[in-house]
Amino acid sequence: MDAPLTAPGPAPRWGLRTDLLRHGDSGDSSRVGYVELFFDLVFVFAVTQLSHGLIEHPGAETLAHTLVLGVAVWWVWVDTMWVTNWLDPERAAVRAMLIVLMLLGLVLASAIPEAFGDKALLFAVMLVTMQVGRSVFVMVAMGRVWPENALNFVRISVWLVVSGTFWVAGALLEEQRLALWAVAAAIDLAGPRAMFWLPGLGASRASTWVVRGEHMAERVSLFVIICLGESIIVTGAAFAELPLDATTVSAFCSAFASTVLMWLLFFDRSERRATEYFTSRDERGMVAQTAYTYVPFVIVTGIVLTAVADELVLLHPLGHDGAGHADAWTAALVCGAAATYLVGNALFRRATGGAWSVPHLLGALAVGVLFVTHSWLTPLTLNWVTDGILLAVIVGDVVRARRRAEAEPG
């Protein structure tokens, strides 16, 4: 069901008179527009900023900062993705909205390296302006033509104002910044799961979220590609600055292999079947919320952490100062990134109608056990062994799929 729902009876008297909604069933009406891809360019920069910050300032505190900022960046992107699932980006007003968001997003991304420093207020103001401004625009755009969803955006706007208060307060209060921003991020994460419940207005109903499955699945897949591309950029840029020797080449190949294996795990083993399941359902709201809103953040986090780990291995393949073993921070990134990515893919499969993937879960457990051995392994060896575990997960998944196919009648 792709056409937007409208309430029976006369339309309300508020909202734009111009109909900005997508119309039609699948095909061109669900196509990802060039302006949406243009909008995504800002997030190439944002993801790069996040990974570089963790590379340049390693440590648990920076990791916490990165995760909080990552939630903010992801939620800006994913909320906009939902909006363009409903509004037609070929309409001038929607296109103008996306371009304004691009400008604000570019400023937001430029502030990321100093978001916990001198540019905290700039980051917070850009974030809140993007989130609340876009939500109010959609609320007004839908007021006449889709009042039920316009009411949803009334709820969403209130939730964003509440979280925005914490984002701005954190920017103003340096000592409490991380705690306040963590609360803001938690509110943003909780909103969709709470169906944006408000006293007096109640909660949204998933049945009103008429989702274009092909469009949403493609948008999320393209964002995963963006993050894999950022991993390639980080690896290539680091390799270009290093002397050409056997150890460096091996580290480069290991980093490239991890990117290829991550691509195979998502696109070759999961994405197509998930899209078929998603688009085959009559009501897609809750699948869209779980599988294409929450779970991809785990997958993207795994990719970004892998990019950081790969650069650290490239810079110090034999350990810091040639120690001959991996330090705990590097090992935690290498193993933690792989485990995060495998768990994210297992959750994605489960959220799109599949069973829990035993190879993925065993692989995540294996890289966790591998971390215990880091004091006996060089970072380069650790990276190659992790790649081997990812490859084993793929092989195990292929074997299980073939056995299931052979067991099916006919």
Protein backbone atom coordinates (compact mmCIF):
# COMPACT_ATOMS: atom_id res chain seq x y z
CA MET A 1 0.00 0.00 0.00
CA ASP A 2 1.93 3.03 -1.25
CA ALA A 3 -0.62 5.84 -1.61
CA PRO A 4 -0.84 8.16 1.42
CA LEU A 5 -3.80 7.86 3.70
CA THR A 6 -6.18 10.77 4.09
CA ALA A 7 -8.81 11.32 6.70
CA PRO A 8 -12.46 11.10 5.64
CA GLY A 9 -14.53 14.25 5.47
CA PRO A 10 -13.48 17.83 4.76
CA ALA A 11 -9.78 18.66 4.91
CA PRO A 12 -8.61 20.99 7.70
CA ARG A 13 -8.06 24.63 6.89
CA TRP A 14 -4.44 24.83 7.92
CA GLY A 15 -1.35 23.74 6.01
CA LEU A 16 -0.01 24.26 2.51
CA ARG A 17 -2.51 24.22 -0.32
CA THR A 18 0.08 22.63 -2.61
CA ASP A 19 0.24 18.84 -2.47
CA LEU A 20 3.91 17.87 -1.89
CA LEU A 21 3.32 14.14 -1.33
CA ARG A 22 4.68 11.32 -3.46
CA HIS A 23 1.90 9.67 -5.48
CA GLY A 24 1.56 6.49 -7.51
CA ASP A 25 2.47 2.89 -6.82
CA SER A 26 6.15 1.85 -6.77
CA GLY A 27 8.19 2.33 -9.96
CA ASP A 28 9.30 5.92 -10.56
CA SER A 29 7.23 7.15 -7.62
CA SER A 30 9.55 5.25 -5.24
CA ARG A 31 12.77 6.11 -7.06
CA VAL A 32 15.58 7.68 -5.03
CA GLY A 33 16.00 11.17 -6.47
CA TYR A 34 19.28 12.81 -7.40
CA VAL A 35 18.67 15.56 -4.87
CA GLU A 36 18.50 12.91 -2.14
CA LEU A 37 21.89 11.58 -3.23
CA PHE A 38 23.17 15.16 -3.35
CA PHE A 39 21.93 15.63 0.21
CA ASP A 40 23.87 12.52 1.30
CA LEU A 41 27.19 14.12 0.31
CA VAL A 42 27.11 16.13 3.52
CA PHE A 43 27.06 12.89 5.48
CA VAL A 44 30.16 11.58 3.72
CA PHE A 45 31.90 14.54 5.34
CA ALA A 46 30.16 14.00 8.69
CA VAL A 47 31.14 10.32 8.90
CA THR A 48 34.74 11.22 8.00
CA GLN A 49 34.78 13.82 10.76
CA LEU A 50 33.58 11.26 13.29
CA SER A 51 36.17 8.64 12.35
CA HIS A 52 39.07 11.11 12.20
CA GLY A 53 38.25 12.41 15.66
CA LEU A 54 38.54 8.92 17.11
CA ILE A 55 41.80 8.29 15.22
CA GLU A 56 43.41 11.52 16.38
CA HIS A 57 42.24 11.33 20.00
CA PRO A 58 42.05 7.66 21.00
CA GLY A 59 40.46 6.74 24.30
CA ALA A 60 37.23 5.77 26.00
CA GLU A 61 36.10 9.38 26.49
CA THR A 62 36.49 10.16 22.77
CA LEU A 63 34.63 6.96 21.96
CA ALA A 64 31.74 8.11 24.16
CA HIS A 65 31.80 11.51 22.43
CA THR A 66 31.81 9.83 19.03
CA LEU A 67 28.84 7.62 19.86
CA VAL A 68 26.77 10.57 21.13
CA LEU A 69 27.62 12.68 18.08
CA GLY A 70 27.02 9.64 15.88
CA VAL A 71 23.48 9.30 17.22
CA ALA A 72 22.86 12.97 16.40
CA VAL A 73 24.21 12.65 12.85
CA TRP A 74 22.35 9.39 12.19
CA TRP A 75 19.06 10.73 13.50
CA VAL A 76 19.29 13.82 11.27
CA TRP A 77 19.83 11.58 8.26
CA VAL A 78 17.28 8.89 9.09
CA ASP A 79 14.55 11.39 9.97
CA THR A 80 15.12 13.13 6.64
CA MET A 81 15.00 9.75 4.90
CA TRP A 82 11.55 9.12 6.40
CA VAL A 83 10.39 12.55 5.25
CA THR A 84 11.50 12.00 1.65
CA ASN A 85 9.75 8.62 1.75
CA TRP A 86 6.53 10.65 1.98
CA LEU A 87 7.30 13.98 0.33
CA ASP A 88 8.26 14.24 -3.34
CA PRO A 89 11.85 15.54 -3.67
CA GLU A 90 11.08 16.61 -7.24
CA ARG A 91 8.75 19.34 -5.92
CA ALA A 92 10.49 22.71 -5.61
CA ALA A 93 9.56 23.28 -1.95
CA VAL A 94 10.84 19.85 -0.86
CA ARG A 95 14.01 20.30 -2.88
CA ALA A 96 14.56 23.71 -1.27
CA MET A 97 14.11 22.14 2.17
CA LEU A 98 16.77 19.52 1.40
CA ILE A 99 19.23 22.13 0.15
CA VAL A 100 18.73 24.24 3.28
CA LEU A 101 19.30 21.12 5.37
CA MET A 102 22.48 20.45 3.38
CA LEU A 103 23.82 23.90 4.23
CA LEU A 104 23.01 23.53 7.91
CA GLY A 105 24.36 19.97 7.87
CA LEU A 106 27.65 21.10 6.37
CA VAL A 107 28.07 23.59 9.21
CA LEU A 108 27.06 20.86 11.70
CA ALA A 109 29.64 18.43 10.29
CA SER A 110 32.36 21.10 10.31
CA ALA A 111 31.75 21.61 14.05
CA ILE A 112 32.12 17.90 14.94
CA PRO A 113 35.87 17.96 15.80
CA GLU A 114 35.27 20.71 18.37
CA ALA A 115 31.70 19.81 19.31
CA PHE A 116 32.82 19.07 22.87
CA GLY A 117 34.90 22.23 22.85
CA ASP A 118 34.58 25.72 21.40
CA LYS A 119 31.98 24.82 18.75
CA ALA A 120 29.51 23.07 21.03
CA LEU A 121 26.85 25.76 20.69
CA LEU A 122 27.27 25.90 16.91
CA PHE A 123 26.81 22.13 16.70
CA ALA A 124 23.75 22.13 18.97
CA VAL A 125 22.03 25.07 17.28
CA MET A 126 22.53 23.58 13.81
CA LEU A 127 21.25 20.21 14.98
CA VAL A 128 18.12 21.57 16.65
CA THR A 129 17.40 23.93 13.75
CA MET A 130 17.61 21.05 11.27
CA GLN A 131 15.48 18.66 13.30
CA VAL A 132 12.75 21.00 14.49
CA GLY A 133 12.69 23.04 11.28
CA ARG A 134 12.26 19.99 9.05
CA SER A 135 9.57 18.52 11.29
CA VAL A 136 7.54 21.75 11.33
CA PHE A 137 7.88 22.02 7.54
CA VAL A 138 6.47 18.52 7.10
CA MET A 139 3.69 19.17 9.59
CA VAL A 140 2.58 22.20 7.59
CA ALA A 141 3.06 20.43 4.23
CA MET A 142 0.80 17.57 5.33
CA GLY A 143 -1.82 19.63 7.18
CA ARG A 144 -4.41 19.63 4.39
CA VAL A 145 -3.53 16.56 2.34
CA TRP A 146 -2.64 14.05 5.05
CA PRO A 147 -3.92 15.35 8.42
CA GLU A 148 -3.38 12.08 10.27
CA ASN A 149 0.34 12.13 9.57
CA ALA A 150 0.45 15.89 10.16
CA LEU A 151 -0.72 15.12 13.69
CA ASN A 152 2.14 12.61 13.98
CA PHE A 153 4.53 15.44 13.15
CA VAL A 154 2.98 17.61 15.84
CA ARG A 155 4.01 14.89 18.29
CA ILE A 156 7.44 14.51 16.66
CA SER A 157 8.06 18.26 16.79
CA VAL A 158 7.33 18.37 20.52
CA TRP A 159 9.72 15.47 21.19
CA LEU A 160 12.41 17.20 19.12
CA VAL A 161 11.94 20.46 21.03
CA VAL A 162 12.37 18.57 24.31
CA SER A 163 15.54 16.81 23.16
CA GLY A 164 16.73 20.08 21.58
CA THR A 165 16.51 21.76 24.97
CA PHE A 166 19.03 19.24 26.30
CA TRP A 167 21.28 19.64 23.23
CA VAL A 168 21.43 23.43 23.73
CA ALA A 169 21.74 23.16 27.53
CA GLY A 170 24.67 20.78 27.11
CA ALA A 171 26.36 23.21 24.75
CA LEU A 172 26.06 25.97 27.36
CA LEU A 173 27.16 23.88 30.35
CA GLU A 174 30.61 22.48 29.64
CA GLU A 175 30.97 20.40 32.80
CA GLN A 176 27.65 18.64 32.24
CA ARG A 177 27.87 18.50 28.45
CA LEU A 178 28.39 14.78 27.96
CA ALA A 179 25.64 13.87 30.44
CA LEU A 180 23.13 16.34 28.98
CA TRP A 181 23.90 15.33 25.40
CA ALA A 182 23.60 11.67 26.34
CA VAL A 183 20.12 12.44 27.72
CA ALA A 184 19.27 14.31 24.50
CA ALA A 185 20.45 11.39 22.38
CA ALA A 186 18.44 8.97 24.56
CA ILE A 187 15.29 11.07 24.05
CA ASP A 188 15.85 11.06 20.28
CA LEU A 189 16.32 7.29 20.34
CA ALA A 190 13.29 6.69 22.56
CA GLY A 191 10.85 8.86 20.59
CA PRO A 192 9.96 6.46 17.75
CA ARG A 193 9.81 3.47 20.09
CA ALA A 194 7.44 5.38 22.37
CA MET A 195 5.39 6.22 19.26
CA PHE A 196 5.96 9.88 20.17
CA TRP A 197 3.36 9.63 22.93
CA LEU A 198 2.18 12.95 24.34
CA PRO A 199 -0.37 13.67 27.07
CA GLY A 200 -3.63 14.68 25.46
CA LEU A 201 -2.55 13.61 21.95
CA GLY A 202 -1.73 10.00 22.75
CA ALA A 203 0.64 7.98 20.57
CA SER A 204 1.10 7.55 16.85
CA ARG A 205 -0.17 4.34 15.28
CA ALA A 206 2.16 2.31 13.08
CA SER A 207 -0.73 1.59 10.72
CA THR A 208 -0.68 5.27 9.69
CA TRP A 209 2.97 5.09 8.61
CA VAL A 210 2.45 4.23 4.96
CA VAL A 211 6.00 3.36 3.92
CA ARG A 212 7.40 2.94 0.41
CA GLY A 213 9.50 -0.14 1.00
CA GLU A 214 11.64 0.01 -2.14
CA HIS A 215 12.60 3.62 -1.49
CA MET A 216 13.45 3.16 2.18
CA ALA A 217 15.45 -0.02 1.64
CA GLU A 218 17.46 1.61 -1.12
CA ARG A 219 18.11 4.75 0.93
CA VAL A 220 19.47 2.77 3.88
CA SER A 221 21.58 0.59 1.58
CA LEU A 222 23.06 3.68 -0.03
CA PHE A 223 24.00 5.07 3.39
CA VAL A 224 25.78 1.82 4.21
CA ILE A 225 27.65 2.22 0.90
CA ILE A 226 28.59 5.77 1.94
CA CYS A 227 30.11 4.46 5.16
CA LEU A 228 31.98 1.67 3.35
CA GLY A 229 33.26 4.31 0.94
CA GLU A 230 34.49 6.39 3.86
CA SER A 231 36.36 3.32 5.09
CA ILE A 232 38.04 3.07 1.67
CA ILE A 233 38.98 6.75 1.83
CA VAL A 234 40.53 6.41 5.29
CA THR A 235 42.50 3.32 4.26
CA GLY A 236 43.72 4.82 0.97
CA ALA A 237 44.72 8.15 2.53
CA ALA A 238 46.71 6.43 5.30
CA PHE A 239 48.41 4.04 2.87
CA ALA A 240 49.46 6.90 0.59
CA GLU A 241 51.46 8.50 3.42
CA LEU A 242 53.34 5.36 4.47
CA PRO A 243 56.58 3.80 3.15
CA LEU A 244 56.05 0.93 0.74
CA ASP A 245 57.22 -2.29 2.41
CA ALA A 246 55.87 -5.79 2.89
CA THR A 247 54.35 -5.08 6.31
CA THR A 248 52.55 -1.96 5.13
CA VAL A 249 51.23 -3.73 2.02
CA SER A 250 49.95 -6.60 4.18
CA ALA A 251 48.20 -4.11 6.49
CA PHE A 252 46.68 -2.36 3.49
CA CYS A 253 45.41 -5.66 2.06
CA SER A 254 43.98 -6.61 5.43
CA ALA A 255 42.09 -3.31 5.66
CA PHE A 256 40.77 -3.67 2.11
CA ALA A 257 39.73 -7.26 2.82
CA SER A 258 37.72 -6.19 5.86
CA THR A 259 35.79 -3.65 3.74
CA VAL A 260 35.04 -6.26 1.06
CA LEU A 261 33.93 -8.80 3.65
CA MET A 262 31.61 -6.27 5.29
CA TRP A 263 30.12 -5.51 1.88
CA LEU A 264 29.54 -9.21 1.24
CA LEU A 265 27.96 -9.77 4.66
CA PHE A 266 25.34 -7.08 4.14
CA PHE A 267 24.74 -6.81 0.41
CA ASP A 268 25.38 -10.37 -0.75
CA ARG A 269 23.96 -12.23 2.23
CA SER A 270 21.19 -10.04 3.69
CA GLU A 271 20.04 -6.96 1.79
CA ARG A 272 18.12 -8.49 -1.12
CA ARG A 273 16.14 -10.99 0.94
CA ALA A 274 15.37 -8.28 3.51
CA THR A 275 14.08 -5.91 0.84
CA GLU A 276 11.83 -8.62 -0.60
CA TYR A 277 10.39 -9.33 2.84
CA PHE A 278 9.90 -5.63 3.61
CA THR A 279 8.16 -4.77 0.35
CA SER A 280 5.90 -7.83 0.52
CA ARG A 281 4.23 -6.74 3.75
CA ASP A 282 0.97 -4.79 3.78
CA GLU A 283 1.81 -2.90 6.97
CA ARG A 284 5.47 -1.89 6.99
CA GLY A 285 5.60 0.66 9.78
CA MET A 286 7.18 -1.40 12.57
CA VAL A 287 9.56 -3.23 10.21
CA ALA A 288 10.66 0.16 8.90
CA GLN A 289 11.15 1.47 12.42
CA THR A 290 13.23 -1.48 13.63
CA ALA A 291 15.07 -2.77 10.58
CA TYR A 292 15.56 0.49 8.70
CA THR A 293 15.82 3.03 11.53
CA TYR A 294 17.40 1.52 14.64
CA VAL A 295 19.35 -1.51 13.43
CA PRO A 296 21.31 0.26 10.63
CA PHE A 297 22.89 2.52 13.25
CA VAL A 298 24.54 -0.59 14.75
CA ILE A 299 25.76 -1.65 11.30
CA VAL A 300 27.07 1.84 10.50
CA THR A 301 28.80 2.04 13.89
CA GLY A 302 30.59 -1.21 13.11
CA ILE A 303 31.78 0.15 9.76
CA VAL A 304 33.05 3.43 11.22
CA LEU A 305 34.88 1.67 14.05
CA THR A 306 36.42 -0.73 11.51
CA ALA A 307 37.72 2.22 9.48
CA VAL A 308 39.33 3.63 12.62
CA ALA A 309 40.82 0.25 13.55
CA ASP A 310 42.16 -0.29 10.02
CA GLU A 311 44.01 3.03 10.07
CA LEU A 312 45.52 2.30 13.49
CA VAL A 313 46.74 -1.07 12.19
CA LEU A 314 48.17 0.61 9.08
CA LEU A 315 50.04 3.15 11.21
CA HIS A 316 51.30 0.61 13.77
CA PRO A 317 51.07 -2.89 12.26
CA LEU A 318 53.59 -4.33 14.73
CA GLY A 319 52.35 -2.41 17.74
CA HIS A 320 53.35 0.96 19.10
CA ASP A 321 57.13 1.41 18.98
CA GLY A 322 57.40 -2.04 17.43
CA ALA A 323 56.31 -3.71 20.68
CA GLY A 324 55.33 -6.88 18.83
CA HIS A 325 51.84 -7.03 20.31
CA ALA A 326 48.61 -5.06 20.09
CA ASP A 327 47.73 -2.61 22.84
CA ALA A 328 44.34 -2.99 24.50
CA TRP A 329 42.82 0.05 22.73
CA THR A 330 43.72 -1.09 19.22
CA ALA A 331 42.66 -4.66 19.96
CA ALA A 332 39.35 -3.49 21.41
CA LEU A 333 38.66 -1.46 18.27
CA VAL A 334 39.59 -4.29 15.88
CA CYS A 335 37.56 -6.93 17.72
CA GLY A 336 34.77 -4.63 18.91
CA ALA A 337 34.16 -3.24 15.43
CA ALA A 338 33.84 -6.72 13.91
CA ALA A 339 31.56 -7.90 16.72
CA THR A 340 29.36 -4.81 16.40
CA TYR A 341 29.02 -5.29 12.65
CA LEU A 342 28.18 -8.99 12.97
CA VAL A 343 25.58 -8.35 15.68
CA GLY A 344 24.10 -5.54 13.58
CA ASN A 345 23.71 -7.86 10.61
CA ALA A 346 22.18 -10.57 12.80
CA LEU A 347 19.66 -8.03 14.16
CA PHE A 348 18.88 -6.84 10.63
CA ARG A 349 18.10 -10.38 9.51
CA ARG A 350 15.92 -11.01 12.54
CA ALA A 351 14.04 -7.71 12.08
CA THR A 352 13.30 -8.57 8.44
CA GLY A 353 11.64 -11.90 9.03
CA GLY A 354 14.62 -14.19 9.29
CA ALA A 355 15.77 -16.46 12.11
CA TRP A 356 18.70 -15.63 14.33
CA SER A 357 21.86 -16.29 12.30
CA VAL A 358 24.03 -18.76 14.19
CA PRO A 359 27.19 -18.05 12.11
CA HIS A 360 26.91 -14.30 12.82
CA LEU A 361 26.43 -14.79 16.55
CA LEU A 362 29.24 -17.36 16.78
CA GLY A 363 31.47 -15.00 14.79
CA ALA A 364 30.76 -12.15 17.22
CA LEU A 365 31.60 -14.49 20.11
CA ALA A 366 34.82 -15.58 18.37
CA VAL A 367 36.15 -12.04 17.94
CA GLY A 368 35.30 -11.39 21.59
CA VAL A 369 37.44 -14.39 22.59
CA LEU A 370 40.14 -13.19 20.18
CA PHE A 371 40.49 -9.95 22.14
CA VAL A 372 41.76 -11.94 25.13
CA THR A 373 44.80 -13.01 23.07
CA HIS A 374 45.79 -9.49 21.98
CA SER A 375 48.90 -9.36 24.18
CA TRP A 376 50.37 -12.25 22.13
CA LEU A 377 49.40 -10.97 18.67
CA THR A 378 50.49 -7.98 16.61
CA PRO A 379 47.77 -5.61 15.42
CA LEU A 380 48.35 -6.86 11.87
CA THR A 381 47.90 -10.49 12.88
CA LEU A 382 44.82 -9.56 14.89
CA ASN A 383 43.33 -7.83 11.86
CA TRP A 384 43.97 -10.79 9.57
CA VAL A 385 42.49 -13.25 12.07
CA THR A 386 39.41 -11.02 12.39
CA ASP A 387 39.08 -11.02 8.60
CA GLY A 388 39.31 -14.81 8.71
CA ILE A 389 36.42 -14.93 11.18
CA LEU A 390 34.29 -12.69 8.94
CA LEU A 391 35.08 -14.98 6.00
CA ALA A 392 34.16 -18.03 8.08
CA VAL A 393 30.81 -16.41 8.92
CA ILE A 394 30.11 -15.89 5.21
CA VAL A 395 31.06 -19.46 4.35
CA GLY A 396 29.00 -20.83 7.22
CA ASP A 397 26.03 -18.75 6.16
CA VAL A 398 26.29 -19.95 2.54
CA VAL A 399 26.50 -23.60 3.64
CA ARG A 400 23.46 -23.25 5.93
CA ALA A 401 21.46 -21.53 3.17
CA ARG A 402 22.26 -24.31 0.68
CA ARG A 403 21.29 -27.01 3.16
CA ARG A 404 17.98 -25.29 3.82
CA ALA A 405 17.33 -24.98 0.09
CA GLU A 406 18.09 -28.68 -0.45
CA ALA A 407 15.80 -29.66 2.43
CA GLU A 408 12.85 -27.72 1.05
CA PRO A 409 10.41 -29.83 -0.96
CA GLY A 410 10.23 -29.25 -4.72
